[in-house]
Amino acid sequence: MKQSVVVFTILLCVCAALPALAQTQKTTLAPDSMVQIPAGDFWMGRANAMPEDAEDRWPRGWLDDRPANQIYVDAFSIDKYEVTNADYSKFLEAKGGKPPWHWPEGRIAEGQEQQAVSNVNWFEATDFCKWVGKRLPTEAEWEKAARGGMDRKVFAWGDESTPEGPFPAVINQNKAALVGTLKPNGYGLYDMIGNVMEWTNDWFDAQYYNFIPKKNPHGPETGLYKSVRGGGWAEGRGMKLANFYRNYTDPELRFDTLGFRCAK
């Protein structure tokens, strides 16, 4: 009889703990190497009136970030840092593949282990993300993360094009920087703007914002080019460092200004 009471008591304790355990599972944070971005709406695209608008002097190719749309994105996690040379080297050791062409004799140059990897095409970036159990971010996820919670601001730091602090140092270099050496944005993400540009998962369409789904958009079904985000180290100052700036390239190509980070 006493044993039955003990077993019954244990079962009651376990059952009482189950709701708390379920709640803990629901609120599990992203891994230390990632940041969890909360679900919610944000304004995607150029929601700001610029001096060039009134003068109608935007180049035709720079009209792909309008109209701005209020977009809902589910919660997701994204890497705190861009993928580094050291990260990518481990992938090559495990899976094989072609090292970035600028690595001397196929090896990382001394002192560049924590530099953002570059000269990796879209397919190689996708394979890396799959290898670590992740994926490339969608273009909407990338922009929401880059804004750092500062909705409808032009830049990661606000609306001023020449801010105080370390942000201007992300440009006018001659190579990618070591990741995490500059100030993070409001979500604690490093180098979203200005170190290397970053691949996204989406196909590119210059007219996409005219018919973009308002919830969890994943880009057009097909295309010739993949969307690239984040002004790179060779972009110079100005609108190419804006949160909403879009670029694109052939997924087969590799550039020393283009890298990536993963999401899940």
C-alpha atoms as a PDB file:
ATOM      1  CA  MET A   1       0.000   0.000   0.000  1.00  0.00           C
ATOM      2  CA  LYS A   2       2.804   2.415   0.886  1.00  0.00           C
ATOM      3  CA  GLN A   3       4.531   1.653  -2.448  1.00  0.00           C
ATOM      4  CA  SER A   4       1.316   2.491  -4.322  1.00  0.00           C
ATOM      5  CA  VAL A   5       1.089   5.847  -2.526  1.00  0.00           C
ATOM      6  CA  VAL A   6       4.710   6.642  -3.403  1.00  0.00           C
ATOM      7  CA  VAL A   7       4.192   5.765  -7.088  1.00  0.00           C
ATOM      8  CA  PHE A   8       0.984   7.811  -7.209  1.00  0.00           C
ATOM      9  CA  THR A   9       2.773  10.787  -5.634  1.00  0.00           C
ATOM     10  CA  ILE A  10       5.609  10.586  -8.175  1.00  0.00           C
ATOM     11  CA  LEU A  11       3.095  10.468 -11.043  1.00  0.00           C
ATOM     12  CA  LEU A  12       1.344  13.552  -9.687  1.00  0.00           C
ATOM     13  CA  CYS A  13       4.659  15.428  -9.540  1.00  0.00           C
ATOM     14  CA  VAL A  14       5.559  14.437 -13.094  1.00  0.00           C
ATOM     15  CA  CYS A  15       2.152  15.471 -14.439  1.00  0.00           C
ATOM     16  CA  ALA A  16       2.359  18.786 -12.612  1.00  0.00           C
ATOM     17  CA  ALA A  17       5.763  19.434 -14.141  1.00  0.00           C
ATOM     18  CA  LEU A  18       4.683  18.721 -17.725  1.00  0.00           C
ATOM     19  CA  PRO A  19       3.044  22.140 -18.418  1.00  0.00           C
ATOM     20  CA  ALA A  20       6.140  23.933 -17.136  1.00  0.00           C
ATOM     21  CA  LEU A  21       8.357  21.689 -19.261  1.00  0.00           C
ATOM     22  CA  ALA A  22       6.242  22.396 -22.340  1.00  0.00           C
ATOM     23  CA  GLN A  23       6.459  26.121 -21.659  1.00  0.00           C
ATOM     24  CA  THR A  24      10.241  25.845 -21.330  1.00  0.00           C
ATOM     25  CA  GLN A  25      10.426  24.069 -24.692  1.00  0.00           C
ATOM     26  CA  LYS A  26       8.305  26.766 -26.348  1.00  0.00           C
ATOM     27  CA  THR A  27      10.573  29.548 -25.138  1.00  0.00           C
ATOM     28  CA  THR A  28      13.926  27.871 -25.800  1.00  0.00           C
ATOM     29  CA  LEU A  29      16.395  30.502 -26.949  1.00  0.00           C
ATOM     30  CA  ALA A  30      18.517  30.275 -30.063  1.00  0.00           C
ATOM     31  CA  PRO A  31      21.952  28.625 -29.745  1.00  0.00           C
ATOM     32  CA  ASP A  32      24.767  30.860 -28.503  1.00  0.00           C
ATOM     33  CA  SER A  33      26.004  31.308 -32.072  1.00  0.00           C
ATOM     34  CA  MET A  34      22.602  32.580 -33.190  1.00  0.00           C
ATOM     35  CA  VAL A  35      20.115  35.291 -32.266  1.00  0.00           C
ATOM     36  CA  GLN A  36      16.376  34.720 -32.129  1.00  0.00           C
ATOM     37  CA  ILE A  37      14.380  37.328 -34.034  1.00  0.00           C
ATOM     38  CA  PRO A  38      10.832  37.706 -32.684  1.00  0.00           C
ATOM     39  CA  ALA A  39       7.757  37.169 -34.814  1.00  0.00           C
ATOM     40  CA  GLY A  40       5.935  40.254 -35.976  1.00  0.00           C
ATOM     41  CA  ASP A  41       5.411  42.907 -38.618  1.00  0.00           C
ATOM     42  CA  PHE A  42       7.998  45.258 -40.060  1.00  0.00           C
ATOM     43  CA  TRP A  43       8.160  47.604 -43.035  1.00  0.00           C
ATOM     44  CA  MET A  44      10.178  45.971 -45.807  1.00  0.00           C
ATOM     45  CA  GLY A  45      11.574  48.220 -48.502  1.00  0.00           C
ATOM     46  CA  ARG A  46      12.154  51.941 -48.811  1.00  0.00           C
ATOM     47  CA  ALA A  47       9.637  53.494 -46.464  1.00  0.00           C
ATOM     48  CA  ASN A  48      11.530  56.788 -46.349  1.00  0.00           C
ATOM     49  CA  ALA A  49      11.235  59.821 -48.595  1.00  0.00           C
ATOM     50  CA  MET A  50      14.691  60.719 -49.870  1.00  0.00           C
ATOM     51  CA  PRO A  51      15.884  63.948 -51.550  1.00  0.00           C
ATOM     52  CA  GLU A  52      16.427  62.002 -54.758  1.00  0.00           C
ATOM     53  CA  ASP A  53      12.729  61.079 -54.830  1.00  0.00           C
ATOM     54  CA  ALA A  54      11.583  64.668 -55.286  1.00  0.00           C
ATOM     55  CA  GLU A  55      14.168  65.220 -57.986  1.00  0.00           C
ATOM     56  CA  ASP A  56      13.296  61.947 -59.744  1.00  0.00           C
ATOM     57  CA  ARG A  57      16.940  61.090 -60.246  1.00  0.00           C
ATOM     58  CA  TRP A  58      17.151  57.505 -58.969  1.00  0.00           C
ATOM     59  CA  PRO A  59      18.747  55.181 -61.513  1.00  0.00           C
ATOM     60  CA  ARG A  60      16.181  52.782 -62.933  1.00  0.00           C
ATOM     61  CA  GLY A  61      17.967  49.825 -61.315  1.00  0.00           C
ATOM     62  CA  TRP A  62      17.535  51.368 -57.853  1.00  0.00           C
ATOM     63  CA  LEU A  63      13.735  51.296 -57.900  1.00  0.00           C
ATOM     64  CA  ASP A  64      13.525  47.631 -56.857  1.00  0.00           C
ATOM     65  CA  ASP A  65      13.107  48.421 -53.137  1.00  0.00           C
ATOM     66  CA  ARG A  66       9.661  50.001 -53.513  1.00  0.00           C
ATOM     67  CA  PRO A  67       6.844  50.116 -52.764  1.00  0.00           C
ATOM     68  CA  ALA A  68       7.449  49.445 -49.082  1.00  0.00           C
ATOM     69  CA  ASN A  69       5.199  46.724 -47.631  1.00  0.00           C
ATOM     70  CA  GLN A  70       4.235  45.829 -44.097  1.00  0.00           C
ATOM     71  CA  ILE A  71       5.345  42.211 -43.835  1.00  0.00           C
ATOM     72  CA  TYR A  72       4.756  39.621 -41.119  1.00  0.00           C
ATOM     73  CA  VAL A  73       7.611  37.180 -40.452  1.00  0.00           C
ATOM     74  CA  ASP A  74       7.464  34.223 -38.079  1.00  0.00           C
ATOM     75  CA  ALA A  75      10.116  33.974 -35.368  1.00  0.00           C
ATOM     76  CA  PHE A  76      13.423  32.622 -36.637  1.00  0.00           C
ATOM     77  CA  SER A  77      17.063  32.434 -35.632  1.00  0.00           C
ATOM     78  CA  ILE A  78      20.000  33.851 -37.556  1.00  0.00           C
ATOM     79  CA  ASP A  79      23.753  33.615 -37.078  1.00  0.00           C
ATOM     80  CA  LYS A  80      25.214  36.293 -34.864  1.00  0.00           C
ATOM     81  CA  TYR A  81      28.266  36.472 -37.131  1.00  0.00           C
ATOM     82  CA  GLU A  82      28.976  35.909 -40.792  1.00  0.00           C
ATOM     83  CA  VAL A  83      30.443  32.489 -41.585  1.00  0.00           C
ATOM     84  CA  THR A  84      34.214  32.674 -41.158  1.00  0.00           C
ATOM     85  CA  ASN A  85      37.101  31.162 -43.042  1.00  0.00           C
ATOM     86  CA  ALA A  86      37.645  28.772 -40.125  1.00  0.00           C
ATOM     87  CA  ASP A  87      33.992  27.675 -40.218  1.00  0.00           C
ATOM     88  CA  TYR A  88      34.141  27.053 -43.942  1.00  0.00           C
ATOM     89  CA  SER A  89      37.421  25.175 -43.678  1.00  0.00           C
ATOM     90  CA  LYS A  90      35.793  22.642 -41.329  1.00  0.00           C
ATOM     91  CA  PHE A  91      33.035  22.148 -43.878  1.00  0.00           C
ATOM     92  CA  LEU A  92      35.553  21.478 -46.650  1.00  0.00           C
ATOM     93  CA  GLU A  93      37.448  19.019 -44.472  1.00  0.00           C
ATOM     94  CA  ALA A  94      34.236  17.098 -43.772  1.00  0.00           C
ATOM     95  CA  LYS A  95      32.501  17.281 -47.146  1.00  0.00           C
ATOM     96  CA  GLY A  96      35.179  18.169 -49.664  1.00  0.00           C
ATOM     97  CA  GLY A  97      34.801  20.912 -52.226  1.00  0.00           C
ATOM     98  CA  LYS A  98      36.584  23.836 -53.745  1.00  0.00           C
ATOM     99  CA  PRO A  99      38.297  26.251 -51.336  1.00  0.00           C
ATOM    100  CA  PRO A 100      37.930  29.983 -52.019  1.00  0.00           C
ATOM    101  CA  TRP A 101      40.397  30.902 -54.762  1.00  0.00           C
ATOM    102  CA  HIS A 102      42.133  33.545 -52.647  1.00  0.00           C
ATOM    103  CA  TRP A 103      43.275  31.059 -49.975  1.00  0.00           C
ATOM    104  CA  PRO A 104      47.030  30.516 -50.552  1.00  0.00           C
ATOM    105  CA  GLU A 105      47.510  26.927 -51.778  1.00  0.00           C
ATOM    106  CA  GLY A 106      43.957  26.189 -50.697  1.00  0.00           C
ATOM    107  CA  ARG A 107      44.586  27.082 -47.040  1.00  0.00           C
ATOM    108  CA  ILE A 108      43.512  30.043 -44.926  1.00  0.00           C
ATOM    109  CA  ALA A 109      46.139  32.770 -44.746  1.00  0.00           C
ATOM    110  CA  GLU A 110      47.629  33.129 -41.283  1.00  0.00           C
ATOM    111  CA  GLY A 111      45.647  35.522 -39.119  1.00  0.00           C
ATOM    112  CA  GLN A 112      42.537  35.351 -41.329  1.00  0.00           C
ATOM    113  CA  GLU A 113      40.792  32.441 -39.631  1.00  0.00           C
ATOM    114  CA  GLN A 114      38.071  34.697 -38.192  1.00  0.00           C
ATOM    115  CA  GLN A 115      37.720  36.810 -41.313  1.00  0.00           C
ATOM    116  CA  ALA A 116      34.333  36.547 -43.033  1.00  0.00           C
ATOM    117  CA  VAL A 117      34.568  33.932 -45.758  1.00  0.00           C
ATOM    118  CA  SER A 118      34.099  35.163 -49.320  1.00  0.00           C
ATOM    119  CA  ASN A 119      34.432  33.838 -52.872  1.00  0.00           C
ATOM    120  CA  VAL A 120      31.747  31.262 -52.134  1.00  0.00           C
ATOM    121  CA  ASN A 121      28.863  30.904 -54.584  1.00  0.00           C
ATOM    122  CA  TRP A 122      25.182  30.439 -53.685  1.00  0.00           C
ATOM    123  CA  PHE A 123      25.233  26.676 -54.070  1.00  0.00           C
ATOM    124  CA  GLU A 124      28.290  26.322 -51.852  1.00  0.00           C
ATOM    125  CA  ALA A 125      26.752  28.604 -49.222  1.00  0.00           C
ATOM    126  CA  THR A 126      23.538  26.565 -49.335  1.00  0.00           C
ATOM    127  CA  ASP A 127      25.471  23.307 -48.898  1.00  0.00           C
ATOM    128  CA  PHE A 128      27.327  24.720 -45.893  1.00  0.00           C
ATOM    129  CA  CYS A 129      24.070  25.786 -44.232  1.00  0.00           C
ATOM    130  CA  LYS A 130      22.571  22.336 -44.778  1.00  0.00           C
ATOM    131  CA  TRP A 131      25.698  20.733 -43.318  1.00  0.00           C
ATOM    132  CA  VAL A 132      25.217  22.630 -40.046  1.00  0.00           C
ATOM    133  CA  GLY A 133      21.459  21.959 -39.978  1.00  0.00           C
ATOM    134  CA  LYS A 134      20.466  25.445 -41.089  1.00  0.00           C
ATOM    135  CA  ARG A 135      19.583  27.324 -44.304  1.00  0.00           C
ATOM    136  CA  LEU A 136      20.116  30.680 -45.948  1.00  0.00           C
ATOM    137  CA  PRO A 137      17.755  33.424 -44.714  1.00  0.00           C
ATOM    138  CA  THR A 138      14.968  34.683 -46.913  1.00  0.00           C
ATOM    139  CA  GLU A 139      15.300  38.245 -48.115  1.00  0.00           C
ATOM    140  CA  ALA A 140      12.506  39.330 -45.730  1.00  0.00           C
ATOM    141  CA  GLU A 141      14.183  37.617 -42.776  1.00  0.00           C
ATOM    142  CA  TRP A 142      17.484  39.206 -43.659  1.00  0.00           C
ATOM    143  CA  GLU A 143      16.064  42.728 -43.821  1.00  0.00           C
ATOM    144  CA  LYS A 144      14.096  42.360 -40.602  1.00  0.00           C
ATOM    145  CA  ALA A 145      17.247  41.121 -38.838  1.00  0.00           C
ATOM    146  CA  ALA A 146      19.415  43.871 -40.344  1.00  0.00           C
ATOM    147  CA  ARG A 147      17.085  46.584 -39.079  1.00  0.00           C
ATOM    148  CA  GLY A 148      17.706  45.459 -35.510  1.00  0.00           C
ATOM    149  CA  GLY A 149      14.247  46.524 -34.398  1.00  0.00           C
ATOM    150  CA  MET A 150      14.650  50.051 -35.837  1.00  0.00           C
ATOM    151  CA  ASP A 151      11.690  49.900 -38.185  1.00  0.00           C
ATOM    152  CA  ARG A 152      11.503  52.328 -41.119  1.00  0.00           C
ATOM    153  CA  LYS A 153      15.028  53.649 -40.504  1.00  0.00           C
ATOM    154  CA  VAL A 154      17.374  54.059 -43.450  1.00  0.00           C
ATOM    155  CA  PHE A 155      20.503  52.640 -41.817  1.00  0.00           C
ATOM    156  CA  ALA A 156      21.268  50.183 -39.019  1.00  0.00           C
ATOM    157  CA  TRP A 157      22.122  53.151 -36.771  1.00  0.00           C
ATOM    158  CA  GLY A 158      19.251  55.475 -37.776  1.00  0.00           C
ATOM    159  CA  ASP A 159      18.590  57.953 -40.573  1.00  0.00           C
ATOM    160  CA  GLU A 160      21.871  59.865 -40.586  1.00  0.00           C
ATOM    161  CA  SER A 161      24.230  58.852 -43.391  1.00  0.00           C
ATOM    162  CA  THR A 162      27.402  59.686 -41.438  1.00  0.00           C
ATOM    163  CA  PRO A 163      26.906  58.424 -37.869  1.00  0.00           C
ATOM    164  CA  GLU A 164      29.288  58.728 -34.992  1.00  0.00           C
ATOM    165  CA  GLY A 165      30.996  55.572 -33.767  1.00  0.00           C
ATOM    166  CA  PRO A 166      32.469  52.540 -35.517  1.00  0.00           C
ATOM    167  CA  PHE A 167      29.952  52.051 -38.321  1.00  0.00           C
ATOM    168  CA  PRO A 168      31.785  54.099 -40.995  1.00  0.00           C
ATOM    169  CA  ALA A 169      34.790  51.808 -40.542  1.00  0.00           C
ATOM    170  CA  VAL A 170      32.941  48.983 -42.277  1.00  0.00           C
ATOM    171  CA  ILE A 171      33.664  50.486 -45.680  1.00  0.00           C
ATOM    172  CA  ASN A 172      36.594  51.669 -47.762  1.00  0.00           C
ATOM    173  CA  GLN A 173      38.817  48.770 -46.744  1.00  0.00           C
ATOM    174  CA  ASN A 174      40.625  46.468 -49.137  1.00  0.00           C
ATOM    175  CA  LYS A 175      39.325  43.180 -47.735  1.00  0.00           C
ATOM    176  CA  ALA A 176      36.747  41.650 -45.415  1.00  0.00           C
ATOM    177  CA  ALA A 177      37.266  42.301 -41.712  1.00  0.00           C
ATOM    178  CA  LEU A 178      37.452  39.878 -38.822  1.00  0.00           C
ATOM    179  CA  VAL A 179      33.851  39.210 -37.783  1.00  0.00           C
ATOM    180  CA  GLY A 180      32.472  40.847 -34.671  1.00  0.00           C
ATOM    181  CA  THR A 181      35.032  43.632 -34.429  1.00  0.00           C
ATOM    182  CA  LEU A 182      32.491  46.412 -34.952  1.00  0.00           C
ATOM    183  CA  LYS A 183      29.378  47.463 -33.069  1.00  0.00           C
ATOM    184  CA  PRO A 184      26.349  45.105 -33.300  1.00  0.00           C
ATOM    185  CA  ASN A 185      22.876  46.261 -34.282  1.00  0.00           C
ATOM    186  CA  GLY A 186      19.851  46.367 -31.986  1.00  0.00           C
ATOM    187  CA  TYR A 187      19.370  42.599 -32.165  1.00  0.00           C
ATOM    188  CA  GLY A 188      23.008  41.900 -31.292  1.00  0.00           C
ATOM    189  CA  LEU A 189      23.928  40.914 -34.861  1.00  0.00           C
ATOM    190  CA  TYR A 190      27.342  41.821 -36.224  1.00  0.00           C
ATOM    191  CA  ASP A 191      28.338  42.978 -39.711  1.00  0.00           C
ATOM    192  CA  MET A 192      24.888  42.891 -41.267  1.00  0.00           C
ATOM    193  CA  ILE A 193      25.944  45.980 -43.211  1.00  0.00           C
ATOM    194  CA  GLY A 194      29.324  46.662 -44.720  1.00  0.00           C
ATOM    195  CA  ASN A 195      31.690  43.739 -44.136  1.00  0.00           C
ATOM    196  CA  VAL A 196      30.765  41.307 -46.888  1.00  0.00           C
ATOM    197  CA  MET A 197      27.502  41.296 -48.791  1.00  0.00           C
ATOM    198  CA  GLU A 198      25.443  38.202 -48.005  1.00  0.00           C
ATOM    199  CA  TRP A 199      23.599  35.613 -50.057  1.00  0.00           C
ATOM    200  CA  THR A 200      19.902  35.105 -49.331  1.00  0.00           C
ATOM    201  CA  ASN A 201      17.808  32.119 -50.338  1.00  0.00           C
ATOM    202  CA  ASP A 202      15.470  34.072 -52.648  1.00  0.00           C
ATOM    203  CA  TRP A 203      15.422  34.466 -56.377  1.00  0.00           C
ATOM    204  CA  PHE A 204      15.533  38.110 -57.412  1.00  0.00           C
ATOM    205  CA  ASP A 205      12.797  40.048 -59.203  1.00  0.00           C
ATOM    206  CA  ALA A 206      13.025  43.829 -59.519  1.00  0.00           C
ATOM    207  CA  GLN A 207       9.201  44.053 -59.470  1.00  0.00           C
ATOM    208  CA  TYR A 208       8.690  41.654 -56.558  1.00  0.00           C
ATOM    209  CA  TYR A 209       7.564  44.277 -54.053  1.00  0.00           C
ATOM    210  CA  ASN A 210       4.527  45.009 -56.232  1.00  0.00           C
ATOM    211  CA  PHE A 211       3.077  41.562 -55.501  1.00  0.00           C
ATOM    212  CA  ILE A 212       5.012  40.326 -52.461  1.00  0.00           C
ATOM    213  CA  PRO A 213       3.020  38.105 -50.040  1.00  0.00           C
ATOM    214  CA  LYS A 214       2.373  39.918 -46.784  1.00  0.00           C
ATOM    215  CA  LYS A 215       3.280  36.934 -44.615  1.00  0.00           C
ATOM    216  CA  ASN A 216       6.583  35.016 -44.701  1.00  0.00           C
ATOM    217  CA  PRO A 217       7.533  35.810 -48.315  1.00  0.00           C
ATOM    218  CA  HIS A 218      10.092  33.462 -49.846  1.00  0.00           C
ATOM    219  CA  GLY A 219      10.801  35.255 -53.111  1.00  0.00           C
ATOM    220  CA  PRO A 220       9.743  34.338 -56.644  1.00  0.00           C
ATOM    221  CA  GLU A 221       9.453  30.667 -57.591  1.00  0.00           C
ATOM    222  CA  THR A 222      12.180  30.907 -60.225  1.00  0.00           C
ATOM    223  CA  GLY A 223      14.668  33.395 -61.613  1.00  0.00           C
ATOM    224  CA  LEU A 224      18.062  33.969 -63.146  1.00  0.00           C
ATOM    225  CA  TYR A 225      19.711  35.667 -60.167  1.00  0.00           C
ATOM    226  CA  LYS A 226      19.765  35.316 -56.403  1.00  0.00           C
ATOM    227  CA  SER A 227      19.143  38.246 -54.075  1.00  0.00           C
ATOM    228  CA  VAL A 228      22.170  39.626 -52.250  1.00  0.00           C
ATOM    229  CA  ARG A 229      21.927  41.914 -49.220  1.00  0.00           C
ATOM    230  CA  GLY A 230      24.149  44.202 -47.152  1.00  0.00           C
ATOM    231  CA  GLY A 231      26.582  46.722 -48.618  1.00  0.00           C
ATOM    232  CA  GLY A 232      30.049  45.166 -48.753  1.00  0.00           C
ATOM    233  CA  TRP A 233      33.438  46.564 -47.813  1.00  0.00           C
ATOM    234  CA  ALA A 234      34.003  47.962 -51.319  1.00  0.00           C
ATOM    235  CA  GLU A 235      30.605  49.635 -51.692  1.00  0.00           C
ATOM    236  CA  GLY A 236      31.538  53.084 -50.409  1.00  0.00           C
ATOM    237  CA  ARG A 237      29.203  55.307 -48.423  1.00  0.00           C
ATOM    238  CA  GLY A 238      25.610  56.158 -49.191  1.00  0.00           C
ATOM    239  CA  MET A 239      22.486  54.221 -50.077  1.00  0.00           C
ATOM    240  CA  LYS A 240      24.295  50.916 -50.657  1.00  0.00           C
ATOM    241  CA  LEU A 241      24.620  50.702 -46.883  1.00  0.00           C
ATOM    242  CA  ALA A 242      20.866  51.210 -46.369  1.00  0.00           C
ATOM    243  CA  ASN A 243      18.800  48.482 -44.703  1.00  0.00           C
ATOM    244  CA  PHE A 244      16.545  48.232 -47.748  1.00  0.00           C
ATOM    245  CA  TYR A 245      19.255  48.200 -50.443  1.00  0.00           C
ATOM    246  CA  ARG A 246      18.926  45.191 -52.761  1.00  0.00           C
ATOM    247  CA  ASN A 247      21.445  43.605 -55.069  1.00  0.00           C
ATOM    248  CA  TYR A 248      21.599  40.392 -57.082  1.00  0.00           C
ATOM    249  CA  THR A 249      23.973  38.122 -58.937  1.00  0.00           C
ATOM    250  CA  ASP A 250      24.271  34.805 -60.740  1.00  0.00           C
ATOM    251  CA  PRO A 251      24.232  32.000 -58.125  1.00  0.00           C
ATOM    252  CA  GLU A 252      27.226  30.374 -59.826  1.00  0.00           C
ATOM    253  CA  LEU A 253      29.500  33.380 -59.343  1.00  0.00           C
ATOM    254  CA  ARG A 254      31.985  34.116 -56.551  1.00  0.00           C
ATOM    255  CA  PHE A 255      33.189  37.509 -55.336  1.00  0.00           C
ATOM    256  CA  ASP A 256      35.647  38.639 -52.680  1.00  0.00           C
ATOM    257  CA  THR A 257      32.977  41.064 -51.424  1.00  0.00           C
ATOM    258  CA  LEU A 258      30.280  38.380 -51.009  1.00  0.00           C
ATOM    259  CA  GLY A 259      29.804  35.907 -48.154  1.00  0.00           C
ATOM    260  CA  PHE A 260      26.890  34.642 -46.087  1.00  0.00           C
ATOM    261  CA  ARG A 261      25.374  33.693 -42.746  1.00  0.00           C
ATOM    262  CA  CYS A 262      22.825  31.006 -41.906  1.00  0.00           C
ATOM    263  CA  ALA A 263      19.320  30.987 -40.427  1.00  0.00           C
ATOM    264  CA  LYS A 264      16.892  28.383 -39.129  1.00  0.00           C
END
